[in-house]
């Protein structure tokens, strides 16, 4: 189980870097569904890892990060209607 949790955490960390690279290279906008979706997935994976290892500050930060991404996507879709 520890190996699986560690792999998921590392995948989450890599996804955060991918999202950051997409923004930094101006491949996507900050409210893009791709960017926010990657952040949500990365956050979930890092939260799972953080809770497993009892790293609660990291878990809390990533839950907040997921919340920002969900809020951004929700606002984007509500404003399109």
PDB file of N, CA and C in Angstrom:
ATOM      1  N   UNK A   1       0.819  -1.200   0.000  1.00  0.00           N
ATOM      2  CA  UNK A   1       0.000   0.000   0.000  1.00  0.00           C
ATOM      3  C   UNK A   1       0.864   1.265   0.000  1.00  0.00           C
ATOM      4  N   UNK A   2       1.943   1.250   0.762  1.00  0.00           N
ATOM      5  CA  UNK A   2       2.810   2.425   0.828  1.00  0.00           C
ATOM      6  C   UNK A   2       3.354   2.787  -0.550  1.00  0.00           C
ATOM      7  N   UNK A   3       3.735   1.786  -1.315  1.00  0.00           N
ATOM      8  CA  UNK A   3       4.277   2.048  -2.648  1.00  0.00           C
ATOM      9  C   UNK A   3       3.224   2.701  -3.532  1.00  0.00           C
ATOM     10  N   UNK A   4       2.006   2.190  -3.502  1.00  0.00           N
ATOM     11  CA  UNK A   4       0.923   2.766  -4.303  1.00  0.00           C
ATOM     12  C   UNK A   4       0.668   4.217  -3.914  1.00  0.00           C
ATOM     13  N   UNK A   5       0.582   4.476  -2.627  1.00  0.00           N
ATOM     14  CA  UNK A   5       0.340   5.838  -2.140  1.00  0.00           C
ATOM     15  C   UNK A   5       1.481   6.763  -2.558  1.00  0.00           C
ATOM     16  N   UNK A   6       2.706   6.296  -2.477  1.00  0.00           N
ATOM     17  CA  UNK A   6       3.845   7.117  -2.895  1.00  0.00           C
ATOM     18  C   UNK A   6       3.818   7.388  -4.400  1.00  0.00           C
ATOM     19  N   UNK A   7       3.494   6.383  -5.192  1.00  0.00           N
ATOM     20  CA  UNK A   7       3.411   6.576  -6.643  1.00  0.00           C
ATOM     21  C   UNK A   7       2.320   7.594  -6.975  1.00  0.00           C
ATOM     22  N   UNK A   8       1.169   7.473  -6.324  1.00  0.00           N
ATOM     23  CA  UNK A   8       0.085   8.438  -6.571  1.00  0.00           C
ATOM     24  C   UNK A   8       0.517   9.853  -6.194  1.00  0.00           C
ATOM     25  N   UNK A   9       1.214   9.985  -5.075  1.00  0.00           N
ATOM     26  CA  UNK A   9       1.709  11.306  -4.668  1.00  0.00           C
ATOM     27  C   UNK A   9       2.683  11.888  -5.681  1.00  0.00           C
ATOM     28  N   UNK A  10       3.582  11.053  -6.187  1.00  0.00           N
ATOM     29  CA  UNK A  10       4.540  11.524  -7.187  1.00  0.00           C
ATOM     30  C   UNK A  10       3.839  11.891  -8.503  1.00  0.00           C
ATOM     31  N   UNK A  11       2.847  11.113  -8.890  1.00  0.00           N
ATOM     32  CA  UNK A  11       2.086  11.458 -10.102  1.00  0.00           C
ATOM     33  C   UNK A  11       1.404  12.807  -9.904  1.00  0.00           C
ATOM     34  N   UNK A  12       0.835  13.022  -8.732  1.00  0.00           N
ATOM     35  CA  UNK A  12       0.216  14.316  -8.438  1.00  0.00           C
ATOM     36  C   UNK A  12       1.211  15.459  -8.532  1.00  0.00           C
ATOM     37  N   UNK A  13       2.407  15.264  -7.979  1.00  0.00           N
ATOM     38  CA  UNK A  13       3.440  16.307  -8.035  1.00  0.00           C
ATOM     39  C   UNK A  13       3.836  16.607  -9.474  1.00  0.00           C
ATOM     40  N   UNK A  14       3.994  15.563 -10.280  1.00  0.00           N
ATOM     41  CA  UNK A  14       4.348  15.758 -11.691  1.00  0.00           C
ATOM     42  C   UNK A  14       3.219  16.495 -12.423  1.00  0.00           C
ATOM     43  N   UNK A  15       1.979  16.136 -12.124  1.00  0.00           N
ATOM     44  CA  UNK A  15       0.854  16.822 -12.768  1.00  0.00           C
ATOM     45  C   UNK A  15       0.823  18.306 -12.411  1.00  0.00           C
ATOM     46  N   UNK A  16       1.130  18.643 -11.153  1.00  0.00           N
ATOM     47  CA  UNK A  16       1.222  20.063 -10.785  1.00  0.00           C
ATOM     48  C   UNK A  16       2.271  20.776 -11.639  1.00  0.00           C
ATOM     49  N   UNK A  17       3.395  20.116 -11.846  1.00  0.00           N
ATOM     50  CA  UNK A  17       4.454  20.715 -12.673  1.00  0.00           C
ATOM     51  C   UNK A  17       4.019  20.848 -14.133  1.00  0.00           C
ATOM     52  N   UNK A  18       3.303  19.859 -14.636  1.00  0.00           N
ATOM     53  CA  UNK A  18       2.784  19.938 -16.005  1.00  0.00           C
ATOM     54  C   UNK A  18       1.833  21.123 -16.134  1.00  0.00           C
ATOM     55  N   UNK A  19       0.932  21.272 -15.165  1.00  0.00           N
ATOM     56  CA  UNK A  19      -0.009  22.395 -15.196  1.00  0.00           C
ATOM     57  C   UNK A  19       0.737  23.729 -15.164  1.00  0.00           C
ATOM     58  N   UNK A  20       1.735  23.821 -14.307  1.00  0.00           N
ATOM     59  CA  UNK A  20       2.516  25.052 -14.204  1.00  0.00           C
ATOM     60  C   UNK A  20       3.263  25.336 -15.511  1.00  0.00           C
ATOM     61  N   UNK A  21       3.796  24.307 -16.125  1.00  0.00           N
ATOM     62  CA  UNK A  21       4.504  24.476 -17.394  1.00  0.00           C
ATOM     63  C   UNK A  21       3.540  24.956 -18.485  1.00  0.00           C
ATOM     64  N   UNK A  22       2.333  24.423 -18.499  1.00  0.00           N
ATOM     65  CA  UNK A  22       1.342  24.860 -19.499  1.00  0.00           C
ATOM     66  C   UNK A  22       1.012  26.339 -19.338  1.00  0.00           C
ATOM     67  N   UNK A  23       0.853  26.786 -18.111  1.00  0.00           N
ATOM     68  CA  UNK A  23       0.566  28.205 -17.856  1.00  0.00           C
ATOM     69  C   UNK A  23       1.774  29.067 -18.198  1.00  0.00           C
ATOM     70  N   UNK A  24       2.937  28.646 -17.744  1.00  0.00           N
ATOM     71  CA  UNK A  24       4.151  29.442 -17.951  1.00  0.00           C
ATOM     72  C   UNK A  24       4.512  29.577 -19.421  1.00  0.00           C
ATOM     73  N   UNK A  25       4.226  28.549 -20.202  1.00  0.00           N
ATOM     74  CA  UNK A  25       4.526  28.603 -21.637  1.00  0.00           C
ATOM     75  C   UNK A  25       3.380  29.191 -22.453  1.00  0.00           C
ATOM     76  N   UNK A  26       2.342  29.641 -21.744  1.00  0.00           N
ATOM     77  CA  UNK A  26       1.169  30.271 -22.366  1.00  0.00           C
ATOM     78  C   UNK A  26       0.459  29.343 -23.350  1.00  0.00           C
ATOM     79  N   UNK A  27       0.498  28.045 -23.050  1.00  0.00           N
ATOM     80  CA  UNK A  27      -0.232  27.060 -23.861  1.00  0.00           C
ATOM     81  C   UNK A  27      -1.704  27.055 -23.484  1.00  0.00           C
ATOM     82  N   UNK A  28      -2.013  27.445 -22.243  1.00  0.00           N
ATOM     83  CA  UNK A  28      -3.397  27.524 -21.770  1.00  0.00           C
ATOM     84  C   UNK A  28      -3.567  28.791 -20.936  1.00  0.00           C
ATOM     85  N   UNK A  29      -4.819  29.188 -20.772  1.00  0.00           N
ATOM     86  CA  UNK A  29      -5.160  30.320 -19.904  1.00  0.00           C
ATOM     87  C   UNK A  29      -5.410  29.811 -18.486  1.00  0.00           C
ATOM     88  N   UNK A  30      -5.385  30.703 -17.535  1.00  0.00           N
ATOM     89  CA  UNK A  30      -5.566  30.325 -16.137  1.00  0.00           C
ATOM     90  C   UNK A  30      -6.913  29.708 -15.819  1.00  0.00           C
ATOM     91  N   UNK A  31      -7.937  30.048 -16.600  1.00  0.00           N
ATOM     92  CA  UNK A  31      -9.252  29.466 -16.340  1.00  0.00           C
ATOM     93  C   UNK A  31      -9.579  28.315 -17.296  1.00  0.00           C
ATOM     94  N   UNK A  32      -8.589  27.839 -18.028  1.00  0.00           N
ATOM     95  CA  UNK A  32      -8.806  26.754 -18.979  1.00  0.00           C
ATOM     96  C   UNK A  32      -9.210  25.469 -18.250  1.00  0.00           C
ATOM     97  N   UNK A  33     -10.146  24.751 -18.840  1.00  0.00           N
ATOM     98  CA  UNK A  33     -10.604  23.496 -18.257  1.00  0.00           C
ATOM     99  C   UNK A  33      -9.456  22.504 -18.108  1.00  0.00           C
ATOM    100  N   UNK A  34      -8.557  22.459 -19.068  1.00  0.00           N
ATOM    101  CA  UNK A  34      -7.415  21.546 -18.998  1.00  0.00           C
ATOM    102  C   UNK A  34      -6.553  21.863 -17.785  1.00  0.00           C
ATOM    103  N   UNK A  35      -6.210  23.115 -17.618  1.00  0.00           N
ATOM    104  CA  UNK A  35      -5.359  23.532 -16.504  1.00  0.00           C
ATOM    105  C   UNK A  35      -6.024  23.230 -15.164  1.00  0.00           C
ATOM    106  N   UNK A  36      -7.283  23.623 -15.022  1.00  0.00           N
ATOM    107  CA  UNK A  36      -7.983  23.414 -13.767  1.00  0.00           C
ATOM    108  C   UNK A  36      -8.226  21.923 -13.506  1.00  0.00           C
ATOM    109  N   UNK A  37      -8.506  21.176 -14.562  1.00  0.00           N
ATOM    110  CA  UNK A  37      -8.698  19.735 -14.415  1.00  0.00           C
ATOM    111  C   UNK A  37      -7.439  19.031 -13.948  1.00  0.00           C
ATOM    112  N   UNK A  38      -6.310  19.429 -14.518  1.00  0.00           N
ATOM    113  CA  UNK A  38      -5.026  18.856 -14.078  1.00  0.00           C
ATOM    114  C   UNK A  38      -4.785  19.194 -12.611  1.00  0.00           C
ATOM    115  N   UNK A  39      -5.088  20.427 -12.216  1.00  0.00           N
ATOM    116  CA  UNK A  39      -4.903  20.823 -10.824  1.00  0.00           C
ATOM    117  C   UNK A  39      -5.807  20.030  -9.887  1.00  0.00           C
ATOM    118  N   UNK A  40      -7.040  19.766 -10.304  1.00  0.00           N
ATOM    119  CA  UNK A  40      -7.953  18.980  -9.476  1.00  0.00           C
ATOM    120  C   UNK A  40      -7.414  17.560  -9.308  1.00  0.00           C
ATOM    121  N   UNK A  41      -7.030  16.939 -10.405  1.00  0.00           N
ATOM    122  CA  UNK A  41      -6.507  15.578 -10.334  1.00  0.00           C
ATOM    123  C   UNK A  41      -5.224  15.522  -9.507  1.00  0.00           C
ATOM    124  N   UNK A  42      -4.320  16.446  -9.752  1.00  0.00           N
ATOM    125  CA  UNK A  42      -3.071  16.491  -8.984  1.00  0.00           C
ATOM    126  C   UNK A  42      -3.367  16.679  -7.503  1.00  0.00           C
ATOM    127  N   UNK A  43      -4.291  17.576  -7.189  1.00  0.00           N
ATOM    128  CA  UNK A  43      -4.647  17.830  -5.799  1.00  0.00           C
ATOM    129  C   UNK A  43      -5.204  16.591  -5.115  1.00  0.00           C
ATOM    130  N   UNK A  44      -6.088  15.884  -5.804  1.00  0.00           N
ATOM    131  CA  UNK A  44      -6.660  14.660  -5.230  1.00  0.00           C
ATOM    132  C   UNK A  44      -5.559  13.650  -4.918  1.00  0.00           C
ATOM    133  N   UNK A  45      -4.647  13.471  -5.846  1.00  0.00           N
ATOM    134  CA  UNK A  45      -3.576  12.497  -5.639  1.00  0.00           C
ATOM    135  C   UNK A  45      -2.660  12.896  -4.482  1.00  0.00           C
ATOM    136  N   UNK A  46      -2.335  14.173  -4.400  1.00  0.00           N
ATOM    137  CA  UNK A  46      -1.466  14.632  -3.310  1.00  0.00           C
ATOM    138  C   UNK A  46      -2.206  14.587  -1.974  1.00  0.00           C
ATOM    139  N   UNK A  47      -3.514  14.869  -1.974  1.00  0.00           N
ATOM    140  CA  UNK A  47      -4.301  14.767  -0.740  1.00  0.00           C
ATOM    141  C   UNK A  47      -4.305  13.324  -0.236  1.00  0.00           C
ATOM    142  N   UNK A  48      -4.509  12.382  -1.137  1.00  0.00           N
ATOM    143  CA  UNK A  48      -4.486  10.973  -0.735  1.00  0.00           C
ATOM    144  C   UNK A  48      -3.150  10.620  -0.081  1.00  0.00           C
ATOM    145  N   UNK A  49      -2.076  11.047  -0.717  1.00  0.00           N
ATOM    146  CA  UNK A  49      -0.746  10.779  -0.177  1.00  0.00           C
ATOM    147  C   UNK A  49      -0.554  11.474   1.173  1.00  0.00           C
ATOM    148  N   UNK A  50      -0.974  12.714   1.254  1.00  0.00           N
ATOM    149  CA  UNK A  50      -0.783  13.497   2.477  1.00  0.00           C
ATOM    150  C   UNK A  50      -1.559  12.917   3.654  1.00  0.00           C
ATOM    151  N   UNK A  51      -2.793  12.524   3.426  1.00  0.00           N
ATOM    152  CA  UNK A  51      -3.567  11.916   4.508  1.00  0.00           C
ATOM    153  C   UNK A  51      -2.959  10.592   4.952  1.00  0.00           C
ATOM    154  N   UNK A  52      -2.533   9.815   3.999  1.00  0.00           N
ATOM    155  CA  UNK A  52      -1.924   8.522   4.347  1.00  0.00           C
ATOM    156  C   UNK A  52      -0.733   8.707   5.276  1.00  0.00           C
ATOM    157  N   UNK A  53       0.083   9.707   4.966  1.00  0.00           N
ATOM    158  CA  UNK A  53       1.294   9.958   5.755  1.00  0.00           C
ATOM    159  C   UNK A  53       1.057  10.949   6.894  1.00  0.00           C
ATOM    160  N   UNK A  54      -0.185  11.310   7.146  1.00  0.00           N
ATOM    161  CA  UNK A  54      -0.546  12.233   8.231  1.00  0.00           C
ATOM    162  C   UNK A  54       0.111  13.599   8.072  1.00  0.00           C
ATOM    163  N   UNK A  55       0.285  14.014   6.846  1.00  0.00           N
ATOM    164  CA  UNK A  55       0.847  15.335   6.549  1.00  0.00           C
ATOM    165  C   UNK A  55      -0.324  16.293   6.344  1.00  0.00           C
ATOM    166  N   UNK A  56      -0.970  16.650   7.453  1.00  0.00           N
ATOM    167  CA  UNK A  56      -2.220  17.397   7.383  1.00  0.00           C
ATOM    168  C   UNK A  56      -2.098  18.815   6.831  1.00  0.00           C
ATOM    169  N   UNK A  57      -1.028  19.542   7.102  1.00  0.00           N
ATOM    170  CA  UNK A  57      -0.906  20.862   6.474  1.00  0.00           C
ATOM    171  C   UNK A  57      -0.876  20.771   4.940  1.00  0.00           C
ATOM    172  N   UNK A  58      -0.152  19.799   4.418  1.00  0.00           N
ATOM    173  CA  UNK A  58      -0.101  19.590   2.973  1.00  0.00           C
ATOM    174  C   UNK A  58      -1.476  19.189   2.453  1.00  0.00           C
ATOM    175  N   UNK A  59      -2.152  18.332   3.171  1.00  0.00           N
ATOM    176  CA  UNK A  59      -3.497  17.913   2.761  1.00  0.00           C
ATOM    177  C   UNK A  59      -4.439  19.111   2.720  1.00  0.00           C
ATOM    178  N   UNK A  60      -4.392  19.948   3.742  1.00  0.00           N
ATOM    179  CA  UNK A  60      -5.271  21.120   3.799  1.00  0.00           C
ATOM    180  C   UNK A  60      -4.992  22.076   2.645  1.00  0.00           C
ATOM    181  N   UNK A  61      -3.734  22.321   2.375  1.00  0.00           N
ATOM    182  CA  UNK A  61      -3.371  23.204   1.272  1.00  0.00           C
ATOM    183  C   UNK A  61      -3.900  22.663  -0.052  1.00  0.00           C
ATOM    184  N   UNK A  62      -3.770  21.374  -0.261  1.00  0.00           N
ATOM    185  CA  UNK A  62      -4.214  20.783  -1.517  1.00  0.00           C
ATOM    186  C   UNK A  62      -5.729  20.712  -1.620  1.00  0.00           C
ATOM    187  N   UNK A  63      -6.427  20.542  -0.512  1.00  0.00           N
ATOM    188  CA  UNK A  63      -7.889  20.621  -0.528  1.00  0.00           C
ATOM    189  C   UNK A  63      -8.315  22.034  -0.943  1.00  0.00           C
ATOM    190  N   UNK A  64      -7.634  23.037  -0.408  1.00  0.00           N
ATOM    191  CA  UNK A  64      -7.924  24.418  -0.799  1.00  0.00           C
ATOM    192  C   UNK A  64      -7.637  24.631  -2.283  1.00  0.00           C
ATOM    193  N   UNK A  65      -6.540  24.067  -2.768  1.00  0.00           N
ATOM    194  CA  UNK A  65      -6.159  24.184  -4.180  1.00  0.00           C
ATOM    195  C   UNK A  65      -7.242  23.574  -5.070  1.00  0.00           C
ATOM    196  N   UNK A  66      -7.757  22.417  -4.661  1.00  0.00           N
ATOM    197  CA  UNK A  66      -8.851  21.772  -5.391  1.00  0.00           C
ATOM    198  C   UNK A  66     -10.074  22.681  -5.375  1.00  0.00           C
ATOM    199  N   UNK A  67     -10.357  23.272  -4.231  1.00  0.00           N
ATOM    200  CA  UNK A  67     -11.504  24.188  -4.112  1.00  0.00           C
ATOM    201  C   UNK A  67     -11.404  25.363  -5.050  1.00  0.00           C
ATOM    202  N   UNK A  68     -10.233  25.939  -5.160  1.00  0.00           N
ATOM    203  CA  UNK A  68     -10.026  27.061  -6.087  1.00  0.00           C
ATOM    204  C   UNK A  68     -10.279  26.611  -7.521  1.00  0.00           C
ATOM    205  N   UNK A  69      -9.780  25.451  -7.879  1.00  0.00           N
ATOM    206  CA  UNK A  69      -9.956  24.940  -9.245  1.00  0.00           C
ATOM    207  C   UNK A  69     -11.426  24.666  -9.544  1.00  0.00           C
ATOM    208  N   UNK A  70     -12.127  24.060  -8.591  1.00  0.00           N
ATOM    209  CA  UNK A  70     -13.554  23.772  -8.783  1.00  0.00           C
ATOM    210  C   UNK A  70     -14.334  25.074  -8.888  1.00  0.00           C
ATOM    211  N   UNK A  71     -14.030  26.040  -8.029  1.00  0.00           N
ATOM    212  CA  UNK A  71     -14.691  27.344  -8.075  1.00  0.00           C
ATOM    213  C   UNK A  71     -14.454  28.021  -9.423  1.00  0.00           C
ATOM    214  N   UNK A  72     -13.216  27.988  -9.896  1.00  0.00           N
ATOM    215  CA  UNK A  72     -12.878  28.622 -11.169  1.00  0.00           C
ATOM    216  C   UNK A  72     -13.637  27.984 -12.322  1.00  0.00           C
ATOM    217  N   UNK A  73     -13.691  26.657 -12.352  1.00  0.00           N
ATOM    218  CA  UNK A  73     -14.435  25.968 -13.415  1.00  0.00           C
ATOM    219  C   UNK A  73     -15.925  26.261 -13.322  1.00  0.00           C
ATOM    220  N   UNK A  74     -16.457  26.241 -12.113  1.00  0.00           N
ATOM    221  CA  UNK A  74     -17.875  26.539 -11.927  1.00  0.00           C
ATOM    222  C   UNK A  74     -18.232  27.934 -12.383  1.00  0.00           C
ATOM    223  N   UNK A  75     -17.413  28.895 -12.006  1.00  0.00           N
ATOM    224  CA  UNK A  75     -17.648  30.285 -12.417  1.00  0.00           C
ATOM    225  C   UNK A  75     -17.563  30.421 -13.925  1.00  0.00           C
ATOM    226  N   UNK A  76     -16.583  29.763 -14.519  1.00  0.00           N
ATOM    227  CA  UNK A  76     -16.405  29.829 -15.971  1.00  0.00           C
ATOM    228  C   UNK A  76     -17.646  29.313 -16.689  1.00  0.00           C
ATOM    229  N   UNK A  77     -18.153  28.173 -16.254  1.00  0.00           N
ATOM    230  CA  UNK A  77     -19.310  27.590 -16.938  1.00  0.00           C
ATOM    231  C   UNK A  77     -20.595  28.356 -16.655  1.00  0.00           C
ATOM    232  N   UNK A  78     -20.735  28.913 -15.464  1.00  0.00           N
ATOM    233  CA  UNK A  78     -21.921  29.710 -15.162  1.00  0.00           C
ATOM    234  C   UNK A  78     -21.945  31.011 -15.955  1.00  0.00           C
ATOM    235  N   UNK A  79     -20.794  31.600 -16.171  1.00  0.00           N
ATOM    236  CA  UNK A  79     -20.718  32.858 -16.918  1.00  0.00           C
ATOM    237  C   UNK A  79     -20.913  32.654 -18.417  1.00  0.00           C
ATOM    238  N   UNK A  80     -20.706  31.428 -18.899  1.00  0.00           N
ATOM    239  CA  UNK A  80     -20.899  31.154 -20.326  1.00  0.00           C
ATOM    240  C   UNK A  80     -22.368  31.052 -20.696  1.00  0.00           C
ATOM    241  N   UNK A  81     -23.232  30.824 -19.730  1.00  0.00           N
ATOM    242  CA  UNK A  81     -24.654  30.637 -20.019  1.00  0.00           C
ATOM    243  C   UNK A  81     -25.364  31.943 -20.163  1.00  0.00           C
TER     244      UNK A  81
END
